[in-house]
Amino acid sequence: MNNLQVIERNNERVLTTQQLADVYETDSRNISNNFNNNKDRFIEGKHYFLLQGDDLKNFKGIHTEYENLKFASKMYLWTERGANRHCKILDTDKAWEQFDNLEETYFKVKQQKPTCIEDVLIESLKEMKDLRLQVNQANNIALEAKTEVKTIKEVVSLNATDWRKDTQQLIAKIAKKQGGFEHINLLRRESYELLNNRFGVDLNRRLINKRRKMAEEGVSESKREKVNNLDVIQDDKKLIEGYVAIVKDMALKYGISSDLSKN
């Protein structure tokens, strides 16, 4: 068992038909016959690899010790699952005993630790590279978290003192991030709709009423036309606080800081 010539295919250890026969103490012809009689129980790539043409030629070139393959037109290499399937078909005490040995020795490849100084250095460099990658990933995560916390703090600091200027500047920043200042009107409409829904008001109706009242008071039409939803909000302290809160929510939603001292 320990003298088995190691053969690998697709990074997987395999056995030739002759090797399998020797291990199970049977004839290679018996292995082949069992396979031919039970082909429906074997799957290529799972239980075996079939070598033909250039694959077989290359195999012969590497494994010159197999003289009996010199004139073979095809060859089967059996995987661990294939060896197990043949063991079940043979169903002999020796086959079961030997398959257990194959599992524990031949097919159980232990990772070799580096011995020479070059291999040790290479292994150490790989570990250092992996460690550096992990550290960089951790730093990136920490930086993202720090930035997110900073953004939240800055947005929360938005207050109702200079609410008109601050909210308009913040909406402009959101629009810029969304692709351009042409988004400002859409964002304003969104903020007004959110205010209407959250507080159960109708800003448009209040705006109409405000302009009508101004007209009754003799305010010129040009001045009345300049009045907008922000003026309506200005008349109600609760709406001011609500609107500031809504713009804060929008800033967090779109990932914008309310540090309005920056452009």
Protein backbone atom coordinates (compact mmCIF):
# COMPACT_ATOMS: atom_id res chain seq x y z
CA MET A 1 0.00 0.00 0.00
CA ASN A 2 2.77 2.42 0.94
CA ASN A 3 4.62 1.63 -2.30
CA LEU A 4 1.80 2.87 -4.53
CA GLN A 5 3.01 5.22 -7.25
CA VAL A 6 1.18 8.51 -6.69
CA ILE A 7 -0.86 9.62 -9.70
CA GLU A 8 -2.88 12.83 -9.81
CA ARG A 9 -5.52 14.10 -12.19
CA ASN A 10 -7.13 17.53 -11.81
CA ASN A 11 -5.44 17.94 -8.40
CA GLU A 12 -7.00 14.67 -7.23
CA ARG A 13 -5.24 11.40 -6.46
CA VAL A 14 -6.29 8.52 -8.70
CA LEU A 15 -5.39 4.87 -9.34
CA THR A 16 -4.85 2.93 -12.55
CA THR A 17 -6.87 -0.22 -13.15
CA GLN A 18 -3.78 -2.33 -12.45
CA GLN A 19 -3.07 -0.49 -9.20
CA LEU A 20 -6.67 -0.96 -8.09
CA ALA A 21 -6.53 -4.66 -8.94
CA ASP A 22 -3.27 -5.12 -7.03
CA VAL A 23 -4.63 -3.35 -3.95
CA TYR A 24 -7.87 -5.36 -3.95
CA GLU A 25 -5.91 -8.55 -4.73
CA THR A 26 -7.86 -9.35 -7.86
CA ASP A 27 -7.19 -9.34 -11.60
CA SER A 28 -7.23 -6.17 -13.70
CA ARG A 29 -9.52 -7.97 -16.14
CA ASN A 30 -11.98 -8.50 -13.30
CA ILE A 31 -11.95 -4.75 -12.56
CA SER A 32 -12.57 -3.97 -16.24
CA ASN A 33 -15.36 -6.53 -16.54
CA ASN A 34 -17.09 -5.22 -13.43
CA PHE A 35 -16.94 -1.72 -14.88
CA ASN A 36 -18.30 -2.79 -18.27
CA ASN A 37 -21.13 -4.68 -16.59
CA ASN A 38 -22.02 -1.75 -14.32
CA LYS A 39 -21.29 1.32 -16.45
CA ASP A 40 -24.56 2.94 -15.41
CA ARG A 41 -23.23 3.09 -11.84
CA PHE A 42 -20.14 5.08 -12.79
CA ILE A 43 -19.96 8.75 -13.78
CA GLU A 44 -17.01 10.14 -15.70
CA GLY A 45 -15.29 12.94 -13.82
CA LYS A 46 -16.74 11.67 -10.53
CA HIS A 47 -15.74 8.01 -10.39
CA TYR A 48 -13.13 7.90 -13.13
CA PHE A 49 -11.22 9.80 -15.81
CA LEU A 50 -10.87 8.38 -19.30
CA LEU A 51 -7.59 9.13 -21.05
CA GLN A 52 -7.43 8.98 -24.84
CA GLY A 53 -5.52 10.68 -27.62
CA ASP A 54 -3.19 13.47 -26.49
CA ASP A 55 -4.17 13.04 -22.82
CA LEU A 56 -3.08 9.42 -22.90
CA LYS A 57 0.05 10.28 -24.87
CA ASN A 58 1.05 12.88 -22.29
CA PHE A 59 0.37 10.46 -19.46
CA LYS A 60 2.57 7.81 -21.08
CA GLY A 61 5.32 10.39 -21.50
CA ILE A 62 5.27 11.22 -17.79
CA HIS A 63 4.72 7.70 -16.44
CA THR A 64 7.19 5.64 -18.43
CA GLU A 65 7.16 2.95 -15.74
CA TYR A 66 3.92 1.50 -17.12
CA GLU A 67 5.25 -0.67 -19.94
CA ASN A 68 1.92 -2.45 -20.39
CA LEU A 69 0.37 0.87 -21.52
CA LYS A 70 2.71 1.27 -24.45
CA PHE A 71 0.15 0.13 -27.01
CA ALA A 72 -3.04 0.95 -25.09
CA SER A 73 -5.55 3.17 -26.95
CA LYS A 74 -7.35 4.29 -23.79
CA MET A 75 -6.91 4.21 -20.05
CA TYR A 76 -9.09 4.59 -16.97
CA LEU A 77 -7.99 6.40 -13.83
CA TRP A 78 -10.13 5.71 -10.77
CA THR A 79 -10.94 8.36 -8.16
CA GLU A 80 -11.59 7.67 -4.49
CA ARG A 81 -15.30 7.36 -5.24
CA GLY A 82 -14.55 5.06 -8.13
CA ALA A 83 -12.37 2.88 -5.91
CA ASN A 84 -15.22 2.77 -3.40
CA ARG A 85 -17.70 1.78 -6.11
CA HIS A 86 -15.43 -1.09 -7.26
CA CYS A 87 -15.07 -2.18 -3.64
CA LYS A 88 -18.85 -2.45 -3.32
CA ILE A 89 -19.10 -4.43 -6.56
CA LEU A 90 -16.31 -6.86 -5.55
CA ASP A 91 -17.76 -7.08 -2.03
CA THR A 92 -14.89 -9.12 -0.59
CA ASP A 93 -13.39 -8.80 2.87
CA LYS A 94 -10.02 -7.96 1.34
CA ALA A 95 -11.53 -5.23 -0.87
CA TRP A 96 -13.29 -3.59 2.09
CA GLU A 97 -10.16 -3.84 4.22
CA GLN A 98 -7.97 -2.35 1.51
CA PHE A 99 -10.37 0.46 0.69
CA ASP A 100 -10.27 1.55 4.34
CA ASN A 101 -6.48 1.60 4.04
CA LEU A 102 -6.69 3.62 0.82
CA GLU A 103 -8.88 6.18 2.55
CA GLU A 104 -6.46 6.58 5.44
CA THR A 105 -3.24 6.59 3.43
CA TYR A 106 -3.26 7.10 -0.33
CA PHE A 107 -6.32 9.33 -0.71
CA LYS A 108 -5.78 11.22 2.54
CA VAL A 109 -3.16 13.74 1.47
CA LYS A 110 -1.55 15.58 4.36
CA GLN A 111 -0.46 19.13 3.74
CA GLN A 112 3.31 19.21 3.67
CA LYS A 113 4.97 21.86 5.79
CA PRO A 114 7.81 23.79 4.14
CA THR A 115 11.27 22.55 5.10
CA CYS A 116 13.86 24.52 3.11
CA ILE A 117 14.49 28.18 3.90
CA GLU A 118 13.12 29.32 0.52
CA ASP A 119 9.79 27.57 1.09
CA VAL A 120 9.60 28.89 4.65
CA LEU A 121 10.16 32.45 3.40
CA ILE A 122 7.57 32.04 0.65
CA GLU A 123 5.05 30.69 3.15
CA SER A 124 5.79 33.55 5.56
CA LEU A 125 5.37 36.14 2.81
CA LYS A 126 2.03 34.61 1.85
CA GLU A 127 0.88 34.77 5.46
CA MET A 128 2.05 38.39 5.73
CA LYS A 129 0.20 39.26 2.52
CA ASP A 130 -2.99 37.62 3.81
CA LEU A 131 -2.61 39.40 7.16
CA ARG A 132 -2.08 42.76 5.47
CA LEU A 133 -5.16 42.17 3.33
CA GLN A 134 -7.22 41.39 6.44
CA VAL A 135 -5.89 44.52 8.20
CA ASN A 136 -6.71 46.68 5.16
CA GLN A 137 -10.21 45.25 5.00
CA ALA A 138 -10.70 45.91 8.71
CA ASN A 139 -9.41 49.48 8.31
CA ASN A 140 -11.75 50.10 5.38
CA ILE A 141 -14.71 48.82 7.38
CA ALA A 142 -13.72 51.00 10.34
CA LEU A 143 -13.30 54.05 8.09
CA GLU A 144 -16.71 53.49 6.51
CA ALA A 145 -18.28 53.14 9.94
CA LYS A 146 -16.52 56.30 11.17
CA THR A 147 -17.67 58.23 8.10
CA GLU A 148 -21.23 57.01 8.56
CA VAL A 149 -21.24 58.04 12.24
CA LYS A 150 -19.79 61.45 11.30
CA THR A 151 -22.49 61.92 8.68
CA ILE A 152 -25.23 61.01 11.13
CA LYS A 153 -23.87 63.41 13.74
CA GLU A 154 -23.66 66.24 11.23
CA VAL A 155 -27.16 65.65 9.93
CA VAL A 156 -28.58 65.48 13.43
CA SER A 157 -26.92 68.82 14.21
CA LEU A 158 -29.18 70.50 11.61
CA ASN A 159 -31.54 72.74 13.60
CA ALA A 160 -34.50 75.04 13.10
CA THR A 161 -32.61 78.32 13.54
CA ASP A 162 -31.43 78.82 9.97
CA TRP A 163 -33.66 76.11 8.64
CA ARG A 164 -34.52 77.70 5.27
CA LYS A 165 -30.94 78.28 4.18
CA ASP A 166 -29.64 75.01 5.64
CA THR A 167 -32.35 72.78 4.18
CA GLN A 168 -32.06 74.38 0.73
CA GLN A 169 -28.29 73.95 0.72
CA LEU A 170 -28.63 70.36 1.87
CA ILE A 171 -31.16 69.57 -0.85
CA ALA A 172 -28.76 71.13 -3.37
CA LYS A 173 -26.00 68.79 -2.14
CA ILE A 174 -28.31 65.81 -2.51
CA ALA A 175 -29.19 66.91 -6.04
CA LYS A 176 -25.53 67.27 -6.94
CA LYS A 177 -24.83 63.74 -5.76
CA GLN A 178 -27.84 62.47 -7.68
CA GLY A 179 -26.36 63.80 -10.90
CA GLY A 180 -27.01 67.52 -11.09
CA PHE A 181 -28.93 70.49 -9.83
CA GLU A 182 -31.78 69.67 -12.20
CA HIS A 183 -32.88 67.22 -9.49
CA ILE A 184 -33.53 70.01 -6.99
CA ASN A 185 -37.19 70.50 -7.91
CA LEU A 186 -37.86 66.76 -7.71
CA LEU A 187 -36.23 66.58 -4.29
CA ARG A 188 -38.19 69.59 -3.05
CA ARG A 189 -41.43 67.98 -4.20
CA GLU A 190 -40.41 64.80 -2.41
CA SER A 191 -39.75 66.72 0.81
CA TYR A 192 -43.11 68.53 0.58
CA GLU A 193 -45.01 65.31 -0.10
CA LEU A 194 -43.33 63.67 2.89
CA LEU A 195 -44.33 66.63 5.05
CA ASN A 196 -47.93 66.47 3.81
CA ASN A 197 -48.17 62.75 4.53
CA ARG A 198 -46.42 62.86 7.89
CA PHE A 199 -48.38 65.81 9.30
CA GLY A 200 -51.64 65.42 7.40
CA VAL A 201 -51.46 68.85 5.80
CA ASP A 202 -51.87 70.24 2.29
CA LEU A 203 -49.13 72.76 1.55
CA ASN A 204 -50.62 73.71 -1.82
CA ARG A 205 -53.98 74.51 -0.24
CA ARG A 206 -52.27 76.55 2.49
CA LEU A 207 -50.24 78.38 -0.16
CA ILE A 208 -53.40 79.31 -2.09
CA ASN A 209 -55.06 80.55 1.10
CA LYS A 210 -51.99 82.57 2.06
CA ARG A 211 -51.85 84.28 -1.33
CA ARG A 212 -55.59 85.01 -1.17
CA LYS A 213 -55.21 86.58 2.26
CA MET A 214 -52.30 88.70 1.01
CA ALA A 215 -54.44 89.86 -1.90
CA GLU A 216 -57.18 90.87 0.52
CA GLU A 217 -54.58 92.84 2.44
CA GLY A 218 -53.60 94.70 -0.71
CA VAL A 219 -50.24 93.00 -1.32
CA SER A 220 -49.13 93.34 -4.93
CA GLU A 221 -49.44 90.38 -7.28
CA SER A 222 -45.68 90.27 -7.91
CA LYS A 223 -45.02 89.82 -4.20
CA ARG A 224 -47.80 87.26 -3.86
CA GLU A 225 -46.28 85.16 -6.68
CA LYS A 226 -42.95 85.04 -4.86
CA VAL A 227 -44.54 83.34 -1.85
CA ASN A 228 -43.83 79.57 -1.84
CA ASN A 229 -44.18 76.45 0.29
CA LEU A 230 -41.27 77.45 2.51
CA ASP A 231 -43.18 80.59 3.47
CA VAL A 232 -46.15 78.42 4.35
CA ILE A 233 -43.93 76.22 6.51
CA GLN A 234 -42.47 79.37 8.13
CA ASP A 235 -45.91 80.20 9.52
CA ASP A 236 -46.12 76.99 11.59
CA LYS A 237 -43.43 76.07 14.13
CA LYS A 238 -44.45 72.41 14.08
CA LEU A 239 -44.09 72.31 10.30
CA ILE A 240 -40.64 73.89 10.56
CA GLU A 241 -39.49 71.19 12.98
CA GLY A 242 -41.15 68.52 10.86
CA TYR A 243 -39.59 69.77 7.65
CA VAL A 244 -36.12 69.92 9.21
CA ALA A 245 -36.56 66.32 10.41
CA ILE A 246 -37.67 65.21 6.94
CA VAL A 247 -34.68 66.82 5.23
CA LYS A 248 -32.44 65.11 7.80
CA ASP A 249 -34.01 61.78 6.87
CA MET A 250 -33.48 62.50 3.19
CA ALA A 251 -29.83 63.39 3.82
CA LEU A 252 -29.24 60.06 5.57
CA LYS A 253 -31.20 58.23 2.88
CA TYR A 254 -29.05 59.66 0.09
CA GLY A 255 -25.80 59.46 2.08
CA ILE A 256 -25.21 63.21 2.31
CA SER A 257 -23.55 65.01 5.20
CA SER A 258 -25.15 68.21 6.42
CA ASP A 259 -21.77 69.84 7.04
CA LEU A 260 -22.94 72.91 5.17
CA SER A 261 -19.69 74.78 5.66
CA LYS A 262 -18.19 72.62 2.94
CA ASN A 263 -18.94 72.88 -0.77
